[in-house]
Amino acid sequence: MQKDQEFLEYVIKALVDNPGEVKVTRTVDEMGVLMTLSVAAADMGKIIGRDGNTAKSIRTLLRTVGMKNNSRVNLKINEPEGGLRFQPEAGNGRVEKASKTVDEAMADLKI
């Protein structure tokens, strides 16, 4: 396991309630290193944070680790199956089930 992957797993497992469900995959291509993170649906809010600030901070730390190793590191956070997404129009900050899948949204765009 690479140092950047170990670092990401350490940080995420310290933040979540279900560390056993944290999965990090690392792929390398011409664009650099892509770290893909999967966590339990209940832990998504802890990883994203208010206004996405926690996720931004994690990405910044990963880029710093990448600079030390002369590589560009990006983070992709997978939305869990049946995940919940913040719906501000629902009122009162309630969280509701995501309304559309990616395929449905693409069909709406007629691409």
PDB file of N, CA and C in Angstrom:
ATOM      1  N   MET A   1       0.848  -1.180   0.000  1.00  0.00           N
ATOM      2  CA  MET A   1       0.000   0.000   0.000  1.00  0.00           C
ATOM      3  C   MET A   1       0.894   1.243   0.000  1.00  0.00           C
ATOM      4  N   GLN A   2       0.529   2.217  -0.801  1.00  0.00           N
ATOM      5  CA  GLN A   2       1.292   3.456  -0.921  1.00  0.00           C
ATOM      6  C   GLN A   2       1.043   4.368   0.285  1.00  0.00           C
ATOM      7  N   LYS A   3       1.993   5.263   0.531  1.00  0.00           N
ATOM      8  CA  LYS A   3       1.884   6.186   1.672  1.00  0.00           C
ATOM      9  C   LYS A   3       0.645   7.068   1.575  1.00  0.00           C
ATOM     10  N   ASP A   4       0.317   7.552   0.366  1.00  0.00           N
ATOM     11  CA  ASP A   4      -0.853   8.423   0.237  1.00  0.00           C
ATOM     12  C   ASP A   4      -2.147   7.672   0.544  1.00  0.00           C
ATOM     13  N   GLN A   5      -2.218   6.420   0.162  1.00  0.00           N
ATOM     14  CA  GLN A   5      -3.403   5.608   0.453  1.00  0.00           C
ATOM     15  C   GLN A   5      -3.497   5.313   1.947  1.00  0.00           C
ATOM     16  N   GLU A   6      -2.376   4.994   2.559  1.00  0.00           N
ATOM     17  CA  GLU A   6      -2.355   4.762   4.010  1.00  0.00           C
ATOM     18  C   GLU A   6      -2.794   6.008   4.764  1.00  0.00           C
ATOM     19  N   PHE A   7      -2.291   7.163   4.329  1.00  0.00           N
ATOM     20  CA  PHE A   7      -2.640   8.429   4.962  1.00  0.00           C
ATOM     21  C   PHE A   7      -4.138   8.692   4.879  1.00  0.00           C
ATOM     22  N   LEU A   8      -4.707   8.523   3.681  1.00  0.00           N
ATOM     23  CA  LEU A   8      -6.134   8.772   3.498  1.00  0.00           C
ATOM     24  C   LEU A   8      -6.967   7.828   4.364  1.00  0.00           C
ATOM     25  N   GLU A   9      -6.629   6.552   4.382  1.00  0.00           N
ATOM     26  CA  GLU A   9      -7.372   5.600   5.211  1.00  0.00           C
ATOM     27  C   GLU A   9      -7.291   5.977   6.681  1.00  0.00           C
ATOM     28  N   TYR A  10      -6.127   6.374   7.153  1.00  0.00           N
ATOM     29  CA  TYR A  10      -5.945   6.767   8.549  1.00  0.00           C
ATOM     30  C   TYR A  10      -6.853   7.945   8.906  1.00  0.00           C
ATOM     31  N   VAL A  11      -6.848   8.979   8.063  1.00  0.00           N
ATOM     32  CA  VAL A  11      -7.644  10.176   8.337  1.00  0.00           C
ATOM     33  C   VAL A  11      -9.136   9.855   8.315  1.00  0.00           C
ATOM     34  N   ILE A  12      -9.574   9.136   7.295  1.00  0.00           N
ATOM     35  CA  ILE A  12     -11.009   8.843   7.156  1.00  0.00           C
ATOM     36  C   ILE A  12     -11.497   7.946   8.285  1.00  0.00           C
ATOM     37  N   LYS A  13     -10.731   6.916   8.625  1.00  0.00           N
ATOM     38  CA  LYS A  13     -11.148   6.010   9.695  1.00  0.00           C
ATOM     39  C   LYS A  13     -11.241   6.730  11.030  1.00  0.00           C
ATOM     40  N   ALA A  14     -10.447   7.789  11.213  1.00  0.00           N
ATOM     41  CA  ALA A  14     -10.508   8.567  12.450  1.00  0.00           C
ATOM     42  C   ALA A  14     -11.771   9.436  12.495  1.00  0.00           C
ATOM     43  N   LEU A  15     -12.346   9.750  11.341  1.00  0.00           N
ATOM     44  CA  LEU A  15     -13.508  10.630  11.277  1.00  0.00           C
ATOM     45  C   LEU A  15     -14.855   9.905  11.362  1.00  0.00           C
ATOM     46  N   VAL A  16     -14.913   8.669  10.906  1.00  0.00           N
ATOM     47  CA  VAL A  16     -16.204   7.984  10.734  1.00  0.00           C
ATOM     48  C   VAL A  16     -16.571   7.107  11.931  1.00  0.00           C
ATOM     49  N   ASP A  17     -17.845   6.730  11.995  1.00  0.00           N
ATOM     50  CA  ASP A  17     -18.335   5.830  13.032  1.00  0.00           C
ATOM     51  C   ASP A  17     -18.179   4.364  12.632  1.00  0.00           C
ATOM     52  N   ASN A  18     -18.042   4.103  11.319  1.00  0.00           N
ATOM     53  CA  ASN A  18     -17.937   2.740  10.800  1.00  0.00           C
ATOM     54  C   ASN A  18     -16.625   2.554  10.049  1.00  0.00           C
ATOM     55  N   PRO A  19     -15.491   2.523  10.760  1.00  0.00           N
ATOM     56  CA  PRO A  19     -14.198   2.430  10.062  1.00  0.00           C
ATOM     57  C   PRO A  19     -14.020   1.141   9.267  1.00  0.00           C
ATOM     58  N   GLY A  20     -14.746   0.094   9.618  1.00  0.00           N
ATOM     59  CA  GLY A  20     -14.639  -1.155   8.886  1.00  0.00           C
ATOM     60  C   GLY A  20     -15.205  -1.074   7.477  1.00  0.00           C
ATOM     61  N   GLU A  21     -16.039  -0.070   7.212  1.00  0.00           N
ATOM     62  CA  GLU A  21     -16.651   0.077   5.896  1.00  0.00           C
ATOM     63  C   GLU A  21     -15.910   1.062   4.990  1.00  0.00           C
ATOM     64  N   VAL A  22     -14.772   1.565   5.457  1.00  0.00           N
ATOM     65  CA  VAL A  22     -13.979   2.486   4.642  1.00  0.00           C
ATOM     66  C   VAL A  22     -13.185   1.681   3.620  1.00  0.00           C
ATOM     67  N   LYS A  23     -13.339   2.067   2.348  1.00  0.00           N
ATOM     68  CA  LYS A  23     -12.593   1.419   1.274  1.00  0.00           C
ATOM     69  C   LYS A  23     -11.931   2.493   0.424  1.00  0.00           C
ATOM     70  N   VAL A  24     -10.630   2.355   0.220  1.00  0.00           N
ATOM     71  CA  VAL A  24      -9.887   3.296  -0.612  1.00  0.00           C
ATOM     72  C   VAL A  24      -9.212   2.508  -1.722  1.00  0.00           C
ATOM     73  N   THR A  25      -9.467   2.914  -2.964  1.00  0.00           N
ATOM     74  CA  THR A  25      -8.760   2.315  -4.090  1.00  0.00           C
ATOM     75  C   THR A  25      -7.887   3.382  -4.720  1.00  0.00           C
ATOM     76  N   ARG A  26      -6.744   2.958  -5.210  1.00  0.00           N
ATOM     77  CA  ARG A  26      -5.757   3.879  -5.778  1.00  0.00           C
ATOM     78  C   ARG A  26      -5.471   3.452  -7.203  1.00  0.00           C
ATOM     79  N   THR A  27      -5.657   4.372  -8.143  1.00  0.00           N
ATOM     80  CA  THR A  27      -5.323   4.103  -9.531  1.00  0.00           C
ATOM     81  C   THR A  27      -4.401   5.205 -10.043  1.00  0.00           C
ATOM     82  N   VAL A  28      -3.508   4.817 -10.936  1.00  0.00           N
ATOM     83  CA  VAL A  28      -2.554   5.763 -11.508  1.00  0.00           C
ATOM     84  C   VAL A  28      -2.751   5.777 -13.019  1.00  0.00           C
ATOM     85  N   ASP A  29      -2.841   6.980 -13.595  1.00  0.00           N
ATOM     86  CA  ASP A  29      -2.915   7.129 -15.045  1.00  0.00           C
ATOM     87  C   ASP A  29      -2.117   8.363 -15.453  1.00  0.00           C
ATOM     88  N   GLU A  30      -2.293   8.803 -16.698  1.00  0.00           N
ATOM     89  CA  GLU A  30      -1.517   9.948 -17.188  1.00  0.00           C
ATOM     90  C   GLU A  30      -1.864  11.245 -16.474  1.00  0.00           C
ATOM     91  N   MET A  31      -3.027  11.306 -15.827  1.00  0.00           N
ATOM     92  CA  MET A  31      -3.431  12.508 -15.100  1.00  0.00           C
ATOM     93  C   MET A  31      -2.874  12.542 -13.676  1.00  0.00           C
ATOM     94  N   GLY A  32      -2.356  11.434 -13.195  1.00  0.00           N
ATOM     95  CA  GLY A  32      -1.823  11.371 -11.842  1.00  0.00           C
ATOM     96  C   GLY A  32      -2.450  10.227 -11.069  1.00  0.00           C
ATOM     97  N   VAL A  33      -2.579  10.432  -9.772  1.00  0.00           N
ATOM     98  CA  VAL A  33      -3.117   9.407  -8.877  1.00  0.00           C
ATOM     99  C   VAL A  33      -4.560   9.770  -8.545  1.00  0.00           C
ATOM    100  N   LEU A  34      -5.448   8.790  -8.661  1.00  0.00           N
ATOM    101  CA  LEU A  34      -6.842   8.984  -8.274  1.00  0.00           C
ATOM    102  C   LEU A  34      -7.144   8.066  -7.107  1.00  0.00           C
ATOM    103  N   MET A  35      -7.535   8.670  -5.993  1.00  0.00           N
ATOM    104  CA  MET A  35      -7.935   7.922  -4.809  1.00  0.00           C
ATOM    105  C   MET A  35      -9.464   7.941  -4.790  1.00  0.00           C
ATOM    106  N   THR A  36     -10.077   6.754  -4.771  1.00  0.00           N
ATOM    107  CA  THR A  36     -11.527   6.644  -4.739  1.00  0.00           C
ATOM    108  C   THR A  36     -11.936   6.143  -3.361  1.00  0.00           C
ATOM    109  N   LEU A  37     -12.789   6.914  -2.701  1.00  0.00           N
ATOM    110  CA  LEU A  37     -13.183   6.645  -1.329  1.00  0.00           C
ATOM    111  C   LEU A  37     -14.637   6.197  -1.266  1.00  0.00           C
ATOM    112  N   SER A  38     -14.883   5.115  -0.544  1.00  0.00           N
ATOM    113  CA  SER A  38     -16.242   4.648  -0.271  1.00  0.00           C
ATOM    114  C   SER A  38     -16.388   4.492   1.235  1.00  0.00           C
ATOM    115  N   VAL A  39     -17.491   5.028   1.775  1.00  0.00           N
ATOM    116  CA  VAL A  39     -17.779   4.912   3.207  1.00  0.00           C
ATOM    117  C   VAL A  39     -19.246   4.533   3.372  1.00  0.00           C
ATOM    118  N   ALA A  40     -19.630   4.193   4.580  1.00  0.00           N
ATOM    119  CA  ALA A  40     -21.031   3.880   4.885  1.00  0.00           C
ATOM    120  C   ALA A  40     -21.885   5.123   4.658  1.00  0.00           C
ATOM    121  N   ALA A  41     -23.122   4.909   4.248  1.00  0.00           N
ATOM    122  CA  ALA A  41     -24.034   6.026   3.974  1.00  0.00           C
ATOM    123  C   ALA A  41     -24.175   6.950   5.187  1.00  0.00           C
ATOM    124  N   ALA A  42     -24.185   6.371   6.379  1.00  0.00           N
ATOM    125  CA  ALA A  42     -24.351   7.174   7.603  1.00  0.00           C
ATOM    126  C   ALA A  42     -23.160   8.079   7.866  1.00  0.00           C
ATOM    127  N   ASP A  43     -22.003   7.770   7.271  1.00  0.00           N
ATOM    128  CA  ASP A  43     -20.781   8.546   7.510  1.00  0.00           C
ATOM    129  C   ASP A  43     -20.510   9.616   6.455  1.00  0.00           C
ATOM    130  N   MET A  44     -21.329   9.692   5.418  1.00  0.00           N
ATOM    131  CA  MET A  44     -21.071  10.649   4.344  1.00  0.00           C
ATOM    132  C   MET A  44     -21.018  12.084   4.842  1.00  0.00           C
ATOM    133  N   GLY A  45     -21.912  12.443   5.737  1.00  0.00           N
ATOM    134  CA  GLY A  45     -21.942  13.811   6.250  1.00  0.00           C
ATOM    135  C   GLY A  45     -20.660  14.185   6.969  1.00  0.00           C
ATOM    136  N   LYS A  46     -20.068  13.227   7.659  1.00  0.00           N
ATOM    137  CA  LYS A  46     -18.823  13.498   8.373  1.00  0.00           C
ATOM    138  C   LYS A  46     -17.668  13.713   7.405  1.00  0.00           C
ATOM    139  N   ILE A  47     -17.701  13.025   6.271  1.00  0.00           N
ATOM    140  CA  ILE A  47     -16.632  13.141   5.284  1.00  0.00           C
ATOM    141  C   ILE A  47     -16.785  14.423   4.468  1.00  0.00           C
ATOM    142  N   ILE A  48     -18.011  14.769   4.112  1.00  0.00           N
ATOM    143  CA  ILE A  48     -18.254  15.965   3.306  1.00  0.00           C
ATOM    144  C   ILE A  48     -18.122  17.218   4.176  1.00  0.00           C
ATOM    145  N   GLY A  49     -18.746  17.205   5.335  1.00  0.00           N
ATOM    146  CA  GLY A  49     -18.678  18.360   6.232  1.00  0.00           C
ATOM    147  C   GLY A  49     -19.623  19.471   5.805  1.00  0.00           C
ATOM    148  N   ARG A  50     -19.733  20.483   6.647  1.00  0.00           N
ATOM    149  CA  ARG A  50     -20.603  21.621   6.348  1.00  0.00           C
ATOM    150  C   ARG A  50     -20.049  22.384   5.156  1.00  0.00           C
ATOM    151  N   ASP A  51     -20.891  22.593   4.164  1.00  0.00           N
ATOM    152  CA  ASP A  51     -20.520  23.271   2.912  1.00  0.00           C
ATOM    153  C   ASP A  51     -19.345  22.600   2.209  1.00  0.00           C
ATOM    154  N   GLY A  52     -19.111  21.325   2.487  1.00  0.00           N
ATOM    155  CA  GLY A  52     -18.033  20.595   1.821  1.00  0.00           C
ATOM    156  C   GLY A  52     -16.640  20.918   2.343  1.00  0.00           C
ATOM    157  N   ASN A  53     -16.571  21.598   3.472  1.00  0.00           N
ATOM    158  CA  ASN A  53     -15.271  22.038   3.985  1.00  0.00           C
ATOM    159  C   ASN A  53     -14.362  20.889   4.408  1.00  0.00           C
ATOM    160  N   THR A  54     -14.918  19.836   4.978  1.00  0.00           N
ATOM    161  CA  THR A  54     -14.088  18.700   5.388  1.00  0.00           C
ATOM    162  C   THR A  54     -13.503  18.016   4.161  1.00  0.00           C
ATOM    163  N   ALA A  55     -14.325  17.806   3.135  1.00  0.00           N
ATOM    164  CA  ALA A  55     -13.842  17.179   1.903  1.00  0.00           C
ATOM    165  C   ALA A  55     -12.756  18.039   1.248  1.00  0.00           C
ATOM    166  N   LYS A  56     -12.942  19.351   1.228  1.00  0.00           N
ATOM    167  CA  LYS A  56     -11.934  20.254   0.653  1.00  0.00           C
ATOM    168  C   LYS A  56     -10.622  20.141   1.422  1.00  0.00           C
ATOM    169  N   SER A  57     -10.710  20.076   2.732  1.00  0.00           N
ATOM    170  CA  SER A  57      -9.509  19.971   3.560  1.00  0.00           C
ATOM    171  C   SER A  57      -8.780  18.655   3.324  1.00  0.00           C
ATOM    172  N   ILE A  58      -9.537  17.572   3.206  1.00  0.00           N
ATOM    173  CA  ILE A  58      -8.927  16.261   2.941  1.00  0.00           C
ATOM    174  C   ILE A  58      -8.227  16.291   1.589  1.00  0.00           C
ATOM    175  N   ARG A  59      -8.859  16.894   0.587  1.00  0.00           N
ATOM    176  CA  ARG A  59      -8.245  17.003  -0.746  1.00  0.00           C
ATOM    177  C   ARG A  59      -6.956  17.825  -0.692  1.00  0.00           C
ATOM    178  N   THR A  60      -6.972  18.905   0.072  1.00  0.00           N
ATOM    179  CA  THR A  60      -5.772  19.737   0.207  1.00  0.00           C
ATOM    180  C   THR A  60      -4.630  18.949   0.843  1.00  0.00           C
ATOM    181  N   LEU A  61      -4.944  18.204   1.900  1.00  0.00           N
ATOM    182  CA  LEU A  61      -3.922  17.386   2.550  1.00  0.00           C
ATOM    183  C   LEU A  61      -3.371  16.324   1.600  1.00  0.00           C
ATOM    184  N   LEU A  62      -4.253  15.704   0.815  1.00  0.00           N
ATOM    185  CA  LEU A  62      -3.803  14.694  -0.142  1.00  0.00           C
ATOM    186  C   LEU A  62      -2.896  15.288  -1.204  1.00  0.00           C
ATOM    187  N   ARG A  63      -3.227  16.479  -1.681  1.00  0.00           N
ATOM    188  CA  ARG A  63      -2.367  17.135  -2.676  1.00  0.00           C
ATOM    189  C   ARG A  63      -0.994  17.435  -2.085  1.00  0.00           C
ATOM    190  N   THR A  64      -0.963  17.811  -0.819  1.00  0.00           N
ATOM    191  CA  THR A  64       0.308  18.083  -0.144  1.00  0.00           C
ATOM    192  C   THR A  64       1.143  16.815  -0.043  1.00  0.00           C
ATOM    193  N   VAL A  65       0.501  15.704   0.320  1.00  0.00           N
ATOM    194  CA  VAL A  65       1.206  14.422   0.373  1.00  0.00           C
ATOM    195  C   VAL A  65       1.717  14.062  -1.020  1.00  0.00           C
ATOM    196  N   GLY A  66       0.890  14.323  -2.039  1.00  0.00           N
ATOM    197  CA  GLY A  66       1.292  14.039  -3.417  1.00  0.00           C
ATOM    198  C   GLY A  66       2.483  14.863  -3.855  1.00  0.00           C
ATOM    199  N   MET A  67       2.516  16.136  -3.472  1.00  0.00           N
ATOM    200  CA  MET A  67       3.647  16.995  -3.842  1.00  0.00           C
ATOM    201  C   MET A  67       4.950  16.449  -3.271  1.00  0.00           C
ATOM    202  N   LYS A  68       4.890  15.915  -2.077  1.00  0.00           N
ATOM    203  CA  LYS A  68       6.085  15.345  -1.461  1.00  0.00           C
ATOM    204  C   LYS A  68       6.620  14.176  -2.290  1.00  0.00           C
ATOM    205  N   ASN A  69       5.694  13.455  -2.957  1.00  0.00           N
ATOM    206  CA  ASN A  69       6.075  12.299  -3.767  1.00  0.00           C
ATOM    207  C   ASN A  69       6.102  12.622  -5.261  1.00  0.00           C
ATOM    208  N   ASN A  70       6.094  13.916  -5.607  1.00  0.00           N
ATOM    209  CA  ASN A  70       6.116  14.371  -7.002  1.00  0.00           C
ATOM    210  C   ASN A  70       4.991  13.760  -7.837  1.00  0.00           C
ATOM    211  N   SER A  71       3.805  13.721  -7.285  1.00  0.00           N
ATOM    212  CA  SER A  71       2.652  13.216  -8.034  1.00  0.00           C
ATOM    213  C   SER A  71       1.435  14.086  -7.748  1.00  0.00           C
ATOM    214  N   ARG A  72       0.523  14.086  -8.688  1.00  0.00           N
ATOM    215  CA  ARG A  72      -0.728  14.826  -8.524  1.00  0.00           C
ATOM    216  C   ARG A  72      -1.769  13.851  -7.998  1.00  0.00           C
ATOM    217  N   VAL A  73      -2.351  14.154  -6.842  1.00  0.00           N
ATOM    218  CA  VAL A  73      -3.307  13.251  -6.202  1.00  0.00           C
ATOM    219  C   VAL A  73      -4.677  13.921  -6.163  1.00  0.00           C
ATOM    220  N   ASN A  74      -5.689  13.197  -6.649  1.00  0.00           N
ATOM    221  CA  ASN A  74      -7.069  13.676  -6.614  1.00  0.00           C
ATOM    222  C   ASN A  74      -7.912  12.685  -5.830  1.00  0.00           C
ATOM    223  N   LEU A  75      -8.986  13.189  -5.233  1.00  0.00           N
ATOM    224  CA  LEU A  75      -9.879  12.355  -4.432  1.00  0.00           C
ATOM    225  C   LEU A  75     -11.274  12.354  -5.033  1.00  0.00           C
ATOM    226  N   LYS A  76     -11.813  11.160  -5.228  1.00  0.00           N
ATOM    227  CA  LYS A  76     -13.201  10.983  -5.651  1.00  0.00           C
ATOM    228  C   LYS A  76     -13.929  10.300  -4.512  1.00  0.00           C
ATOM    229  N   ILE A  77     -15.055  10.868  -4.095  1.00  0.00           N
ATOM    230  CA  ILE A  77     -15.849  10.289  -3.014  1.00  0.00           C
ATOM    231  C   ILE A  77     -17.089   9.667  -3.642  1.00  0.00           C
ATOM    232  N   ASN A  78     -17.204   8.352  -3.543  1.00  0.00           N
ATOM    233  CA  ASN A  78     -18.361   7.650  -4.090  1.00  0.00           C
ATOM    234  C   ASN A  78     -19.567   7.842  -3.201  1.00  0.00           C
ATOM    235  N   GLU A  79     -20.708   8.135  -3.818  1.00  0.00           N
ATOM    236  CA  GLU A  79     -21.949   8.217  -3.052  1.00  0.00           C
ATOM    237  C   GLU A  79     -22.444   6.801  -2.824  1.00  0.00           C
ATOM    238  N   PRO A  80     -22.751   6.441  -1.579  1.00  0.00           N
ATOM    239  CA  PRO A  80     -23.212   5.080  -1.293  1.00  0.00           C
ATOM    240  C   PRO A  80     -24.542   4.778  -1.974  1.00  0.00           C
ATOM    241  N   GLU A  81     -24.786   3.514  -2.229  1.00  0.00           N
ATOM    242  CA  GLU A  81     -26.050   3.072  -2.817  1.00  0.00           C
ATOM    243  C   GLU A  81     -27.190   3.485  -1.896  1.00  0.00           C
ATOM    244  N   GLY A  82     -28.190   4.127  -2.461  1.00  0.00           N
ATOM    245  CA  GLY A  82     -29.324   4.588  -1.651  1.00  0.00           C
ATOM    246  C   GLY A  82     -28.938   5.733  -0.751  1.00  0.00           C
ATOM    247  N   GLY A  83     -27.901   6.454  -1.145  1.00  0.00           N
ATOM    248  CA  GLY A  83     -27.389   7.543  -0.323  1.00  0.00           C
ATOM    249  C   GLY A  83     -28.371   8.688  -0.195  1.00  0.00           C
ATOM    250  N   LEU A  84     -28.122   9.510   0.773  1.00  0.00           N
ATOM    251  CA  LEU A  84     -28.958  10.673   1.011  1.00  0.00           C
ATOM    252  C   LEU A  84     -28.196  11.901   0.558  1.00  0.00           C
ATOM    253  N   ARG A  85     -28.925  12.828   0.001  1.00  0.00           N
ATOM    254  CA  ARG A  85     -28.320  14.060  -0.484  1.00  0.00           C
ATOM    255  C   ARG A  85     -29.098  15.224   0.093  1.00  0.00           C
ATOM    256  N   PHE A  86     -28.392  16.289   0.458  1.00  0.00           N
ATOM    257  CA  PHE A  86     -29.036  17.467   1.034  1.00  0.00           C
ATOM    258  C   PHE A  86     -29.928  18.126  -0.012  1.00  0.00           C
ATOM    259  N   GLN A  87     -31.153  18.398   0.348  1.00  0.00           N
ATOM    260  CA  GLN A  87     -32.107  19.040  -0.545  1.00  0.00           C
ATOM    261  C   GLN A  87     -32.581  20.335   0.106  1.00  0.00           C
ATOM    262  N   PRO A  88     -31.899  21.478  -0.166  1.00  0.00           N
ATOM    263  CA  PRO A  88     -32.270  22.718   0.518  1.00  0.00           C
ATOM    264  C   PRO A  88     -33.704  23.152   0.249  1.00  0.00           C
ATOM    265  N   GLU A  89     -34.246  22.825  -0.923  1.00  0.00           N
ATOM    266  CA  GLU A  89     -35.616  23.242  -1.210  1.00  0.00           C
ATOM    267  C   GLU A  89     -36.636  22.454  -0.394  1.00  0.00           C
ATOM    268  N   ALA A  90     -36.201  21.376   0.264  1.00  0.00           N
ATOM    269  CA  ALA A  90     -37.118  20.589   1.094  1.00  0.00           C
ATOM    270  C   ALA A  90     -37.486  21.349   2.370  1.00  0.00           C
ATOM    271  N   GLY A  91     -36.696  22.338   2.722  1.00  0.00           N
ATOM    272  CA  GLY A  91     -37.000  23.153   3.888  1.00  0.00           C
ATOM    273  C   GLY A  91     -36.445  22.560   5.170  1.00  0.00           C
ATOM    274  N   ASN A  92     -36.128  23.416   6.107  1.00  0.00           N
ATOM    275  CA  ASN A  92     -35.668  23.014   7.437  1.00  0.00           C
ATOM    276  C   ASN A  92     -34.421  22.140   7.409  1.00  0.00           C
ATOM    277  N   GLY A  93     -33.628  22.185   6.342  1.00  0.00           N
ATOM    278  CA  GLY A  93     -32.376  21.419   6.299  1.00  0.00           C
ATOM    279  C   GLY A  93     -32.581  19.918   6.310  1.00  0.00           C
ATOM    280  N   ARG A  94     -33.765  19.457   5.919  1.00  0.00           N
ATOM    281  CA  ARG A  94     -34.009  18.014   5.905  1.00  0.00           C
ATOM    282  C   ARG A  94     -33.162  17.344   4.843  1.00  0.00           C
ATOM    283  N   VAL A  95     -32.901  16.092   5.070  1.00  0.00           N
ATOM    284  CA  VAL A  95     -32.181  15.286   4.101  1.00  0.00           C
ATOM    285  C   VAL A  95     -33.180  14.320   3.488  1.00  0.00           C
ATOM    286  N   GLU A  96     -33.183  14.265   2.160  1.00  0.00           N
ATOM    287  CA  GLU A  96     -34.094  13.361   1.469  1.00  0.00           C
ATOM    288  C   GLU A  96     -33.310  12.499   0.503  1.00  0.00           C
ATOM    289  N   LYS A  97     -33.934  11.420   0.064  1.00  0.00           N
ATOM    290  CA  LYS A  97     -33.304  10.526  -0.897  1.00  0.00           C
ATOM    291  C   LYS A  97     -33.017  11.292  -2.180  1.00  0.00           C
ATOM    292  N   ALA A  98     -31.854  11.025  -2.809  1.00  0.00           N
ATOM    293  CA  ALA A  98     -31.498  11.668  -4.063  1.00  0.00           C
ATOM    294  C   ALA A  98     -32.623  11.440  -5.070  1.00  0.00           C
ATOM    295  N   SER A  99     -32.976  12.475  -5.808  1.00  0.00           N
ATOM    296  CA  SER A  99     -34.153  12.392  -6.657  1.00  0.00           C
ATOM    297  C   SER A  99     -33.905  11.666  -7.970  1.00  0.00           C
ATOM    298  N   LYS A 100     -32.706  11.746  -8.533  1.00  0.00           N
ATOM    299  CA  LYS A 100     -32.437  11.135  -9.829  1.00  0.00           C
ATOM    300  C   LYS A 100     -31.110  10.418  -9.816  1.00  0.00           C
ATOM    301  N   THR A 101     -31.034   9.386 -10.626  1.00  0.00           N
ATOM    302  CA  THR A 101     -29.750   8.728 -10.827  1.00  0.00           C
ATOM    303  C   THR A 101     -29.003   9.493 -11.914  1.00  0.00           C
ATOM    304  N   VAL A 102     -27.742   9.193 -12.080  1.00  0.00           N
ATOM    305  CA  VAL A 102     -26.947   9.838 -13.119  1.00  0.00           C
ATOM    306  C   VAL A 102     -27.545   9.533 -14.491  1.00  0.00           C
ATOM    307  N   ASP A 103     -27.959   8.293 -14.713  1.00  0.00           N
ATOM    308  CA  ASP A 103     -28.554   7.923 -15.998  1.00  0.00           C
ATOM    309  C   ASP A 103     -29.822   8.721 -16.285  1.00  0.00           C
ATOM    310  N   GLU A 104     -30.652   8.919 -15.268  1.00  0.00           N
ATOM    311  CA  GLU A 104     -31.869   9.710 -15.455  1.00  0.00           C
ATOM    312  C   GLU A 104     -31.538  11.156 -15.782  1.00  0.00           C
ATOM    313  N   ALA A 105     -30.547  11.718 -15.099  1.00  0.00           N
ATOM    314  CA  ALA A 105     -30.146  13.091 -15.358  1.00  0.00           C
ATOM    315  C   ALA A 105     -29.588  13.242 -16.768  1.00  0.00           C
ATOM    316  N   MET A 106     -28.794  12.261 -17.213  1.00  0.00           N
ATOM    317  CA  MET A 106     -28.246  12.318 -18.574  1.00  0.00           C
ATOM    318  C   MET A 106     -29.364  12.208 -19.611  1.00  0.00           C
ATOM    319  N   ALA A 107     -30.357  11.372 -19.329  1.00  0.00           N
ATOM    320  CA  ALA A 107     -31.494  11.251 -20.249  1.00  0.00           C
ATOM    321  C   ALA A 107     -32.252  12.565 -20.348  1.00  0.00           C
ATOM    322  N   ASP A 108     -32.368  13.290 -19.229  1.00  0.00           N
ATOM    323  CA  ASP A 108     -33.034  14.585 -19.234  1.00  0.00           C
ATOM    324  C   ASP A 108     -32.294  15.589 -20.108  1.00  0.00           C
ATOM    325  N   LEU A 109     -30.971  15.481 -20.141  1.00  0.00           N
ATOM    326  CA  LEU A 109     -30.157  16.398 -20.942  1.00  0.00           C
ATOM    327  C   LEU A 109     -30.203  16.051 -22.432  1.00  0.00           C
ATOM    328  N   LYS A 110     -30.665  14.840 -22.749  1.00  0.00           N
ATOM    329  CA  LYS A 110     -30.785  14.349 -24.131  1.00  0.00           C
ATOM    330  C   LYS A 110     -29.450  14.405 -24.854  1.00  0.00           C
ATOM    331  N   ILE A 111     -28.419  13.882 -24.182  1.00  0.00           N
ATOM    332  CA  ILE A 111     -27.078  13.840 -24.782  1.00  0.00           C
ATOM    333  C   ILE A 111     -26.872  12.503 -25.443  1.00  0.00           C
TER     334      ILE A 111
END
